[in-house]
N, C-alpha and C. Protein backbone atom coordinates (compact mmCIF):
# COMPACT_ATOMS: atom_id res chain seq x y z
N UNK A 1 -23.90 -7.63 -10.03
CA UNK A 1 -23.60 -6.58 -9.09
C UNK A 1 -22.52 -5.69 -9.69
N UNK A 2 -22.68 -4.34 -9.68
CA UNK A 2 -21.69 -3.45 -10.27
C UNK A 2 -20.40 -3.45 -9.45
N UNK A 3 -19.27 -3.03 -10.04
CA UNK A 3 -18.02 -2.97 -9.28
C UNK A 3 -18.16 -2.07 -8.06
N UNK A 4 -17.44 -2.39 -7.03
CA UNK A 4 -17.46 -1.60 -5.80
C UNK A 4 -16.92 -0.21 -6.08
N UNK A 5 -17.54 0.80 -5.51
CA UNK A 5 -17.09 2.17 -5.70
C UNK A 5 -16.09 2.53 -4.61
N UNK A 6 -15.04 3.23 -4.99
CA UNK A 6 -14.05 3.71 -4.02
C UNK A 6 -13.58 5.07 -4.49
N UNK A 7 -13.75 6.06 -3.66
CA UNK A 7 -13.30 7.40 -4.01
C UNK A 7 -13.95 7.95 -5.27
N UNK A 8 -15.15 7.50 -5.58
CA UNK A 8 -15.85 8.02 -6.73
C UNK A 8 -15.53 7.31 -8.03
N UNK A 9 -14.62 6.38 -8.01
CA UNK A 9 -14.27 5.62 -9.21
C UNK A 9 -14.44 4.14 -8.90
N UNK A 10 -14.82 3.33 -9.88
CA UNK A 10 -14.89 1.89 -9.63
C UNK A 10 -13.53 1.34 -9.25
N UNK A 11 -13.53 0.40 -8.31
CA UNK A 11 -12.27 -0.21 -7.88
C UNK A 11 -11.52 -0.79 -9.06
N UNK A 12 -12.24 -1.32 -10.06
CA UNK A 12 -11.57 -1.91 -11.22
C UNK A 12 -10.77 -0.87 -11.99
N UNK A 13 -11.22 0.39 -11.98
CA UNK A 13 -10.44 1.42 -12.68
C UNK A 13 -9.15 1.71 -11.92
N UNK A 14 -9.17 1.59 -10.59
CA UNK A 14 -7.94 1.75 -9.82
C UNK A 14 -6.95 0.66 -10.19
N UNK A 15 -7.43 -0.56 -10.32
CA UNK A 15 -6.58 -1.67 -10.70
C UNK A 15 -5.93 -1.39 -12.05
N UNK A 16 -6.72 -0.89 -13.00
CA UNK A 16 -6.17 -0.60 -14.33
C UNK A 16 -5.12 0.50 -14.28
N UNK A 17 -5.22 1.42 -13.31
CA UNK A 17 -4.24 2.49 -13.17
C UNK A 17 -3.06 2.07 -12.32
N UNK A 18 -3.33 1.49 -11.17
CA UNK A 18 -2.28 1.21 -10.19
C UNK A 18 -1.35 0.07 -10.60
N UNK A 19 -1.89 -1.01 -11.10
CA UNK A 19 -1.04 -2.16 -11.44
C UNK A 19 0.00 -1.83 -12.49
N UNK A 20 -0.38 -1.26 -13.64
CA UNK A 20 0.65 -0.94 -14.63
C UNK A 20 1.67 0.07 -14.10
N UNK A 21 1.21 1.05 -13.34
CA UNK A 21 2.13 2.04 -12.77
C UNK A 21 3.15 1.36 -11.86
N UNK A 22 2.68 0.56 -10.92
CA UNK A 22 3.60 -0.09 -9.98
C UNK A 22 4.53 -1.07 -10.67
N UNK A 23 4.02 -1.84 -11.62
CA UNK A 23 4.89 -2.79 -12.34
C UNK A 23 6.00 -2.03 -13.05
N UNK A 24 5.66 -0.97 -13.75
CA UNK A 24 6.66 -0.17 -14.48
C UNK A 24 7.70 0.42 -13.51
N UNK A 25 7.22 1.03 -12.44
CA UNK A 25 8.14 1.68 -11.50
C UNK A 25 9.03 0.66 -10.79
N UNK A 26 8.48 -0.46 -10.38
CA UNK A 26 9.27 -1.48 -9.71
C UNK A 26 10.29 -2.10 -10.66
N UNK A 27 9.90 -2.39 -11.87
CA UNK A 27 10.84 -2.95 -12.85
C UNK A 27 11.96 -1.96 -13.15
N UNK A 28 11.63 -0.67 -13.22
CA UNK A 28 12.66 0.34 -13.44
C UNK A 28 13.69 0.35 -12.30
N UNK A 29 13.31 -0.16 -11.15
CA UNK A 29 14.20 -0.22 -10.00
C UNK A 29 14.81 -1.60 -9.82
N UNK A 30 14.63 -2.47 -10.80
CA UNK A 30 15.26 -3.78 -10.75
C UNK A 30 14.48 -4.85 -10.03
N UNK A 31 13.23 -4.60 -9.73
CA UNK A 31 12.41 -5.60 -9.03
C UNK A 31 11.69 -6.45 -10.08
N UNK A 32 11.83 -7.73 -9.95
CA UNK A 32 11.16 -8.69 -10.83
C UNK A 32 9.76 -8.93 -10.30
N UNK A 33 8.78 -8.25 -10.88
CA UNK A 33 7.39 -8.40 -10.44
C UNK A 33 6.89 -9.75 -10.93
N UNK A 34 6.54 -10.61 -9.99
CA UNK A 34 6.19 -11.98 -10.32
C UNK A 34 4.70 -12.25 -10.40
N UNK A 35 3.90 -11.47 -9.65
CA UNK A 35 2.48 -11.80 -9.62
C UNK A 35 1.66 -10.61 -9.17
N UNK A 36 0.52 -10.45 -9.81
CA UNK A 36 -0.50 -9.49 -9.39
C UNK A 36 -1.76 -10.31 -9.12
N UNK A 37 -2.37 -10.05 -7.99
CA UNK A 37 -3.55 -10.81 -7.61
C UNK A 37 -4.75 -9.89 -7.47
N UNK A 38 -5.86 -10.31 -8.03
CA UNK A 38 -7.12 -9.59 -7.90
C UNK A 38 -8.09 -10.54 -7.23
N UNK A 39 -8.54 -10.16 -6.04
CA UNK A 39 -9.44 -11.02 -5.28
C UNK A 39 -10.61 -10.19 -4.76
N UNK A 40 -11.69 -10.85 -4.39
CA UNK A 40 -12.85 -10.13 -3.85
C UNK A 40 -12.50 -9.43 -2.54
N UNK A 41 -13.28 -8.46 -2.19
CA UNK A 41 -13.09 -7.70 -0.97
C UNK A 41 -13.65 -8.48 0.22
N UNK A 42 -13.02 -9.61 0.51
CA UNK A 42 -13.41 -10.48 1.62
C UNK A 42 -12.20 -10.67 2.51
N UNK A 43 -12.33 -10.29 3.77
CA UNK A 43 -11.21 -10.23 4.69
C UNK A 43 -10.38 -11.50 4.74
N UNK A 44 -11.02 -12.67 4.85
CA UNK A 44 -10.25 -13.91 4.97
C UNK A 44 -9.46 -14.19 3.68
N UNK A 45 -10.01 -13.86 2.52
CA UNK A 45 -9.28 -14.06 1.26
C UNK A 45 -8.09 -13.11 1.16
N UNK A 46 -8.32 -11.87 1.57
CA UNK A 46 -7.23 -10.88 1.52
C UNK A 46 -6.11 -11.28 2.47
N UNK A 47 -6.44 -11.63 3.70
CA UNK A 47 -5.40 -11.98 4.66
C UNK A 47 -4.65 -13.23 4.24
N UNK A 48 -5.34 -14.22 3.68
CA UNK A 48 -4.65 -15.42 3.18
C UNK A 48 -3.67 -15.06 2.06
N UNK A 49 -4.12 -14.21 1.14
CA UNK A 49 -3.27 -13.83 0.01
C UNK A 49 -2.06 -13.03 0.47
N UNK A 50 -2.26 -12.09 1.39
CA UNK A 50 -1.15 -11.29 1.92
C UNK A 50 -0.15 -12.22 2.62
N UNK A 51 -0.63 -13.13 3.44
CA UNK A 51 0.25 -14.06 4.16
C UNK A 51 1.06 -14.91 3.17
N UNK A 52 0.39 -15.47 2.17
CA UNK A 52 1.08 -16.31 1.18
C UNK A 52 2.09 -15.52 0.36
N UNK A 53 1.71 -14.33 -0.07
CA UNK A 53 2.63 -13.48 -0.84
C UNK A 53 3.84 -13.10 0.01
N UNK A 54 3.61 -12.78 1.29
CA UNK A 54 4.71 -12.37 2.16
C UNK A 54 5.75 -13.47 2.31
N UNK A 55 5.30 -14.70 2.32
CA UNK A 55 6.23 -15.84 2.42
C UNK A 55 6.98 -16.09 1.11
N UNK A 56 6.33 -15.79 0.00
CA UNK A 56 6.89 -16.16 -1.32
C UNK A 56 7.73 -15.06 -1.97
N UNK A 57 7.51 -13.79 -1.60
CA UNK A 57 8.14 -12.68 -2.31
C UNK A 57 8.86 -11.74 -1.36
N UNK A 58 9.83 -11.01 -1.89
CA UNK A 58 10.58 -10.04 -1.09
C UNK A 58 9.73 -8.85 -0.68
N UNK A 59 8.89 -8.38 -1.59
CA UNK A 59 8.03 -7.23 -1.35
C UNK A 59 6.60 -7.57 -1.71
N UNK A 60 5.68 -7.05 -0.92
CA UNK A 60 4.26 -7.17 -1.22
C UNK A 60 3.68 -5.78 -1.08
N UNK A 61 2.96 -5.32 -2.09
CA UNK A 61 2.30 -4.02 -2.06
C UNK A 61 0.81 -4.27 -2.07
N UNK A 62 0.10 -3.66 -1.11
CA UNK A 62 -1.33 -3.92 -0.98
C UNK A 62 -2.02 -2.73 -0.33
N UNK A 63 -3.32 -2.87 -0.11
CA UNK A 63 -4.07 -1.89 0.67
C UNK A 63 -4.19 -2.41 2.09
N UNK A 64 -4.75 -1.64 3.00
CA UNK A 64 -4.74 -1.96 4.43
C UNK A 64 -5.50 -3.21 4.80
N UNK A 65 -6.61 -3.48 4.16
CA UNK A 65 -7.49 -4.57 4.56
C UNK A 65 -6.75 -5.91 4.60
N UNK A 66 -6.87 -6.59 5.68
CA UNK A 66 -6.36 -7.95 5.77
C UNK A 66 -4.93 -8.08 6.24
N UNK A 67 -4.17 -7.00 6.29
CA UNK A 67 -2.75 -7.10 6.67
C UNK A 67 -2.61 -7.50 8.13
N UNK A 68 -3.36 -6.85 9.01
CA UNK A 68 -3.27 -7.19 10.43
C UNK A 68 -3.64 -8.66 10.65
N UNK A 69 -4.72 -9.10 10.03
CA UNK A 69 -5.14 -10.49 10.20
C UNK A 69 -4.11 -11.46 9.62
N UNK A 70 -3.50 -11.08 8.51
CA UNK A 70 -2.51 -11.96 7.87
C UNK A 70 -1.34 -12.27 8.81
N UNK A 71 -0.98 -11.30 9.66
CA UNK A 71 0.16 -11.47 10.56
C UNK A 71 -0.26 -11.68 12.01
N UNK A 72 -1.57 -11.87 12.23
CA UNK A 72 -2.06 -12.11 13.58
C UNK A 72 -1.84 -10.94 14.51
N UNK A 73 -2.01 -9.73 14.00
CA UNK A 73 -1.78 -8.53 14.80
C UNK A 73 -3.08 -7.76 15.01
N UNK A 74 -3.12 -7.05 16.11
CA UNK A 74 -4.26 -6.18 16.38
C UNK A 74 -4.05 -4.83 15.69
N UNK A 75 -5.14 -4.13 15.50
CA UNK A 75 -5.08 -2.78 14.96
C UNK A 75 -4.92 -1.81 16.13
N UNK A 76 -3.97 -0.90 16.01
CA UNK A 76 -3.69 0.09 17.05
C UNK A 76 -3.63 1.48 16.42
N UNK A 77 -3.97 2.47 17.19
CA UNK A 77 -3.85 3.87 16.75
C UNK A 77 -2.37 4.28 16.87
N UNK A 78 -1.79 4.75 15.77
CA UNK A 78 -0.40 5.20 15.75
C UNK A 78 -0.38 6.68 16.10
N UNK A 79 0.31 7.03 17.19
CA UNK A 79 0.31 8.41 17.70
C UNK A 79 0.91 9.39 16.68
N UNK A 80 1.97 8.99 15.99
CA UNK A 80 2.58 9.89 15.00
C UNK A 80 1.63 10.16 13.84
N UNK A 81 0.99 9.11 13.35
CA UNK A 81 0.02 9.31 12.27
C UNK A 81 -1.16 10.15 12.73
N UNK A 82 -1.63 9.89 13.95
CA UNK A 82 -2.75 10.68 14.46
C UNK A 82 -2.39 12.16 14.53
N UNK A 83 -1.19 12.48 15.02
CA UNK A 83 -0.76 13.88 15.10
C UNK A 83 -0.67 14.50 13.71
N UNK A 84 -0.14 13.75 12.74
CA UNK A 84 -0.05 14.24 11.36
C UNK A 84 -1.43 14.54 10.80
N UNK A 85 -2.36 13.64 11.03
CA UNK A 85 -3.73 13.80 10.51
C UNK A 85 -4.41 15.00 11.17
N UNK A 86 -4.25 15.12 12.47
CA UNK A 86 -4.85 16.26 13.18
C UNK A 86 -4.29 17.58 12.64
N UNK A 87 -3.00 17.61 12.40
CA UNK A 87 -2.36 18.82 11.87
C UNK A 87 -2.84 19.10 10.45
N UNK A 88 -2.89 18.08 9.61
CA UNK A 88 -3.27 18.25 8.21
C UNK A 88 -4.70 18.76 8.07
N UNK A 89 -5.63 18.14 8.80
CA UNK A 89 -7.04 18.50 8.66
C UNK A 89 -7.43 19.69 9.53
N UNK A 90 -6.71 19.92 10.61
CA UNK A 90 -6.96 21.02 11.53
C UNK A 90 -8.45 21.12 11.87
N UNK A 91 -9.09 22.22 11.52
CA UNK A 91 -10.49 22.47 11.89
C UNK A 91 -11.48 21.62 11.10
N UNK A 92 -11.03 21.02 10.00
CA UNK A 92 -11.94 20.21 9.18
C UNK A 92 -11.90 18.73 9.56
N UNK A 93 -11.22 18.42 10.65
CA UNK A 93 -11.07 17.03 11.09
C UNK A 93 -12.42 16.43 11.48
N UNK A 94 -12.66 15.21 10.99
CA UNK A 94 -13.82 14.42 11.41
C UNK A 94 -13.28 13.07 11.89
N UNK A 95 -14.08 12.38 12.70
CA UNK A 95 -13.63 11.11 13.27
C UNK A 95 -13.16 10.12 12.21
N UNK A 96 -13.81 10.11 11.06
CA UNK A 96 -13.43 9.18 9.99
C UNK A 96 -12.00 9.37 9.52
N UNK A 97 -11.50 10.61 9.57
CA UNK A 97 -10.11 10.86 9.18
C UNK A 97 -9.13 10.17 10.12
N UNK A 98 -9.47 10.12 11.39
CA UNK A 98 -8.56 9.52 12.37
C UNK A 98 -8.40 8.02 12.17
N UNK A 99 -9.35 7.39 11.50
CA UNK A 99 -9.23 5.96 11.21
C UNK A 99 -8.00 5.64 10.39
N UNK A 100 -7.49 6.62 9.66
CA UNK A 100 -6.26 6.41 8.87
C UNK A 100 -5.04 6.21 9.75
N UNK A 101 -5.16 6.55 11.03
CA UNK A 101 -4.05 6.35 11.96
C UNK A 101 -4.10 4.97 12.62
N UNK A 102 -5.10 4.18 12.29
CA UNK A 102 -5.23 2.83 12.83
C UNK A 102 -4.49 1.86 11.92
N UNK A 103 -3.42 1.27 12.46
CA UNK A 103 -2.55 0.40 11.66
C UNK A 103 -2.27 -0.88 12.43
N UNK A 104 -1.81 -1.92 11.73
CA UNK A 104 -1.46 -3.16 12.44
C UNK A 104 -0.37 -2.92 13.49
N UNK A 105 -0.52 -3.56 14.61
CA UNK A 105 0.44 -3.46 15.70
C UNK A 105 1.85 -3.78 15.18
N UNK A 106 2.83 -2.96 15.57
CA UNK A 106 4.22 -3.18 15.16
C UNK A 106 4.56 -2.68 13.77
N UNK A 107 3.60 -2.02 13.11
CA UNK A 107 3.87 -1.49 11.77
C UNK A 107 4.90 -0.38 11.87
N UNK A 108 5.65 -0.20 10.80
CA UNK A 108 6.62 0.90 10.76
C UNK A 108 6.18 1.89 9.69
N UNK A 109 6.60 3.14 9.85
CA UNK A 109 6.29 4.19 8.91
C UNK A 109 7.50 4.40 8.01
N UNK A 110 7.27 4.39 6.71
CA UNK A 110 8.36 4.48 5.72
C UNK A 110 8.18 5.78 4.95
N UNK A 111 9.29 6.51 4.76
CA UNK A 111 9.24 7.74 3.97
C UNK A 111 8.48 8.84 4.66
N UNK A 112 8.49 8.84 5.99
CA UNK A 112 7.67 9.78 6.73
C UNK A 112 8.17 11.20 6.81
N UNK A 113 9.46 11.43 6.71
CA UNK A 113 9.98 12.78 6.87
C UNK A 113 9.47 13.67 5.75
N UNK A 114 8.78 14.73 6.13
CA UNK A 114 8.25 15.66 5.14
C UNK A 114 6.98 15.17 4.45
N UNK A 115 6.45 14.06 4.89
CA UNK A 115 5.24 13.51 4.28
C UNK A 115 4.16 13.46 5.36
N UNK A 116 3.03 14.09 5.10
CA UNK A 116 2.02 14.16 6.14
C UNK A 116 1.42 12.80 6.44
N UNK A 117 1.47 11.88 5.48
CA UNK A 117 0.92 10.55 5.72
C UNK A 117 1.84 9.53 5.06
N UNK A 118 2.79 8.98 5.80
CA UNK A 118 3.78 8.07 5.22
C UNK A 118 3.18 6.71 4.84
N UNK A 119 3.97 5.91 4.16
CA UNK A 119 3.58 4.54 3.82
C UNK A 119 3.72 3.70 5.08
N UNK A 120 2.76 2.85 5.33
CA UNK A 120 2.79 1.94 6.47
C UNK A 120 3.29 0.60 5.96
N UNK A 121 4.21 -0.02 6.72
CA UNK A 121 4.75 -1.32 6.32
C UNK A 121 4.70 -2.27 7.51
N UNK A 122 4.38 -3.53 7.21
CA UNK A 122 4.40 -4.61 8.19
C UNK A 122 5.25 -5.70 7.57
N UNK A 123 6.39 -5.96 8.22
CA UNK A 123 7.36 -6.90 7.67
C UNK A 123 7.71 -6.49 6.24
N UNK A 124 7.49 -7.35 5.26
CA UNK A 124 7.83 -7.00 3.87
C UNK A 124 6.60 -6.57 3.07
N UNK A 125 5.54 -6.18 3.77
CA UNK A 125 4.30 -5.77 3.13
C UNK A 125 4.15 -4.25 3.27
N UNK A 126 4.04 -3.58 2.12
CA UNK A 126 3.91 -2.13 2.07
C UNK A 126 2.47 -1.79 1.71
N UNK A 127 1.86 -0.94 2.52
CA UNK A 127 0.43 -0.66 2.40
C UNK A 127 0.24 0.69 1.71
N UNK A 128 -0.44 0.66 0.57
CA UNK A 128 -0.69 1.85 -0.22
C UNK A 128 -2.20 2.08 -0.34
N UNK A 129 -2.58 3.34 -0.56
CA UNK A 129 -4.00 3.62 -0.79
C UNK A 129 -4.40 3.18 -2.19
N UNK A 130 -5.68 3.02 -2.43
CA UNK A 130 -6.16 2.61 -3.75
C UNK A 130 -6.29 3.74 -4.74
N UNK A 131 -6.40 4.98 -4.27
CA UNK A 131 -6.57 6.12 -5.18
C UNK A 131 -5.26 6.35 -5.93
N UNK A 132 -5.27 6.24 -7.27
CA UNK A 132 -4.03 6.29 -8.05
C UNK A 132 -3.15 7.51 -7.78
N UNK A 133 -3.71 8.69 -7.69
CA UNK A 133 -2.90 9.89 -7.49
C UNK A 133 -2.17 9.86 -6.15
N UNK A 134 -2.84 9.38 -5.12
CA UNK A 134 -2.21 9.31 -3.80
C UNK A 134 -1.19 8.17 -3.78
N UNK A 135 -1.54 7.04 -4.35
CA UNK A 135 -0.61 5.91 -4.43
C UNK A 135 0.68 6.34 -5.11
N UNK A 136 0.59 7.04 -6.23
CA UNK A 136 1.77 7.44 -6.97
C UNK A 136 2.64 8.41 -6.16
N UNK A 137 2.03 9.35 -5.48
CA UNK A 137 2.80 10.28 -4.66
C UNK A 137 3.52 9.56 -3.53
N UNK A 138 2.82 8.63 -2.91
CA UNK A 138 3.45 7.87 -1.83
C UNK A 138 4.57 6.98 -2.36
N UNK A 139 4.35 6.33 -3.50
CA UNK A 139 5.38 5.47 -4.05
C UNK A 139 6.64 6.28 -4.36
N UNK A 140 6.48 7.46 -4.92
CA UNK A 140 7.63 8.32 -5.24
C UNK A 140 8.45 8.64 -4.00
N UNK A 141 7.81 8.73 -2.84
CA UNK A 141 8.53 9.03 -1.60
C UNK A 141 9.33 7.85 -1.07
N UNK A 142 8.96 6.63 -1.46
CA UNK A 142 9.64 5.44 -0.92
C UNK A 142 10.29 4.59 -2.00
N UNK A 143 10.32 5.07 -3.23
CA UNK A 143 10.76 4.25 -4.35
C UNK A 143 12.16 3.65 -4.19
N UNK A 144 13.05 4.35 -3.52
CA UNK A 144 14.41 3.83 -3.36
C UNK A 144 14.45 2.59 -2.46
N UNK A 145 13.42 2.38 -1.68
CA UNK A 145 13.31 1.17 -0.86
C UNK A 145 13.37 -0.06 -1.74
N UNK A 146 12.88 0.07 -2.96
CA UNK A 146 12.76 -1.07 -3.86
C UNK A 146 13.88 -1.15 -4.90
N UNK A 147 14.89 -0.30 -4.79
CA UNK A 147 15.97 -0.26 -5.78
C UNK A 147 16.81 -1.53 -5.69
N UNK A 148 16.95 -2.18 -6.79
CA UNK A 148 17.82 -3.36 -6.93
C UNK A 148 18.66 -3.12 -8.17
N UNK A 149 19.50 -4.09 -8.54
CA UNK A 149 20.20 -3.94 -9.81
C UNK A 149 19.17 -3.98 -10.93
N UNK A 150 19.45 -3.34 -12.03
CA UNK A 150 18.45 -3.26 -13.12
C UNK A 150 17.95 -4.62 -13.55
N UNK A 151 16.68 -4.64 -13.85
CA UNK A 151 16.01 -5.85 -14.33
C UNK A 151 15.69 -5.62 -15.80
N UNK A 152 16.17 -6.49 -16.67
CA UNK A 152 15.96 -6.35 -18.09
C UNK A 152 14.97 -7.39 -18.59
N UNK A 153 13.96 -6.93 -19.27
CA UNK A 153 13.01 -7.86 -19.87
C UNK A 153 13.57 -8.44 -21.15
N UNK A 154 14.30 -7.62 -21.87
CA UNK A 154 14.88 -8.02 -23.14
C UNK A 154 16.16 -7.23 -23.36
N UNK A 155 17.16 -7.83 -23.90
CA UNK A 155 18.40 -7.13 -24.20
C UNK A 155 18.51 -6.95 -25.70
N UNK A 156 18.73 -5.71 -26.10
CA UNK A 156 18.90 -5.40 -27.52
C UNK A 156 20.35 -5.06 -27.78
N UNK A 157 20.87 -5.57 -28.85
CA UNK A 157 22.27 -5.28 -29.22
C UNK A 157 22.29 -4.47 -30.49
C-alpha cells in the first residue's frame, strides 16, 4: 500500500521535513529531544502514544488525531478559532474549514495574538499541522514556549 497522501505530499515526506526541523529548533532552545515516534494512522495507537509521551516528557508535539482520546476529552468547537476561520476564509468558507475549530475540550490556544490560527495545546501536548510550511510558521510563533538553558550535544575547546 502506498504512503498516505496529505496535502498533496506523502505523509512520509512530511516526516522527513518536520522531524529534523523541530529537533533542530528545539535543541537550539535547550530542549533535549529524547524520542521521535512514527506510528500508523490508527486512533488507538496514536492516543496511547500521546498519553505515554505526555507522562514521560515535558513537551509533546503532535498532530490533532488522538489527543482528545489520550486525555479522555470530547471534541468541542472553539468559538475563538471559529471566528478566526470565518474571518480568514470570508466568502470562500466551506464547512470543512470549520472543522479546524474542533479541538479537545479544555484545550488552550498558544501564540494566538496576531495569528489567524494559533497552536492548540492540551496539557503539555502541542498540536501542529503536518504541512511543513504551516508547521514552521506556527512553531516560530510559539518557539519561546520551549526556551530552556542551552543544550549542547558536544563541547569544543
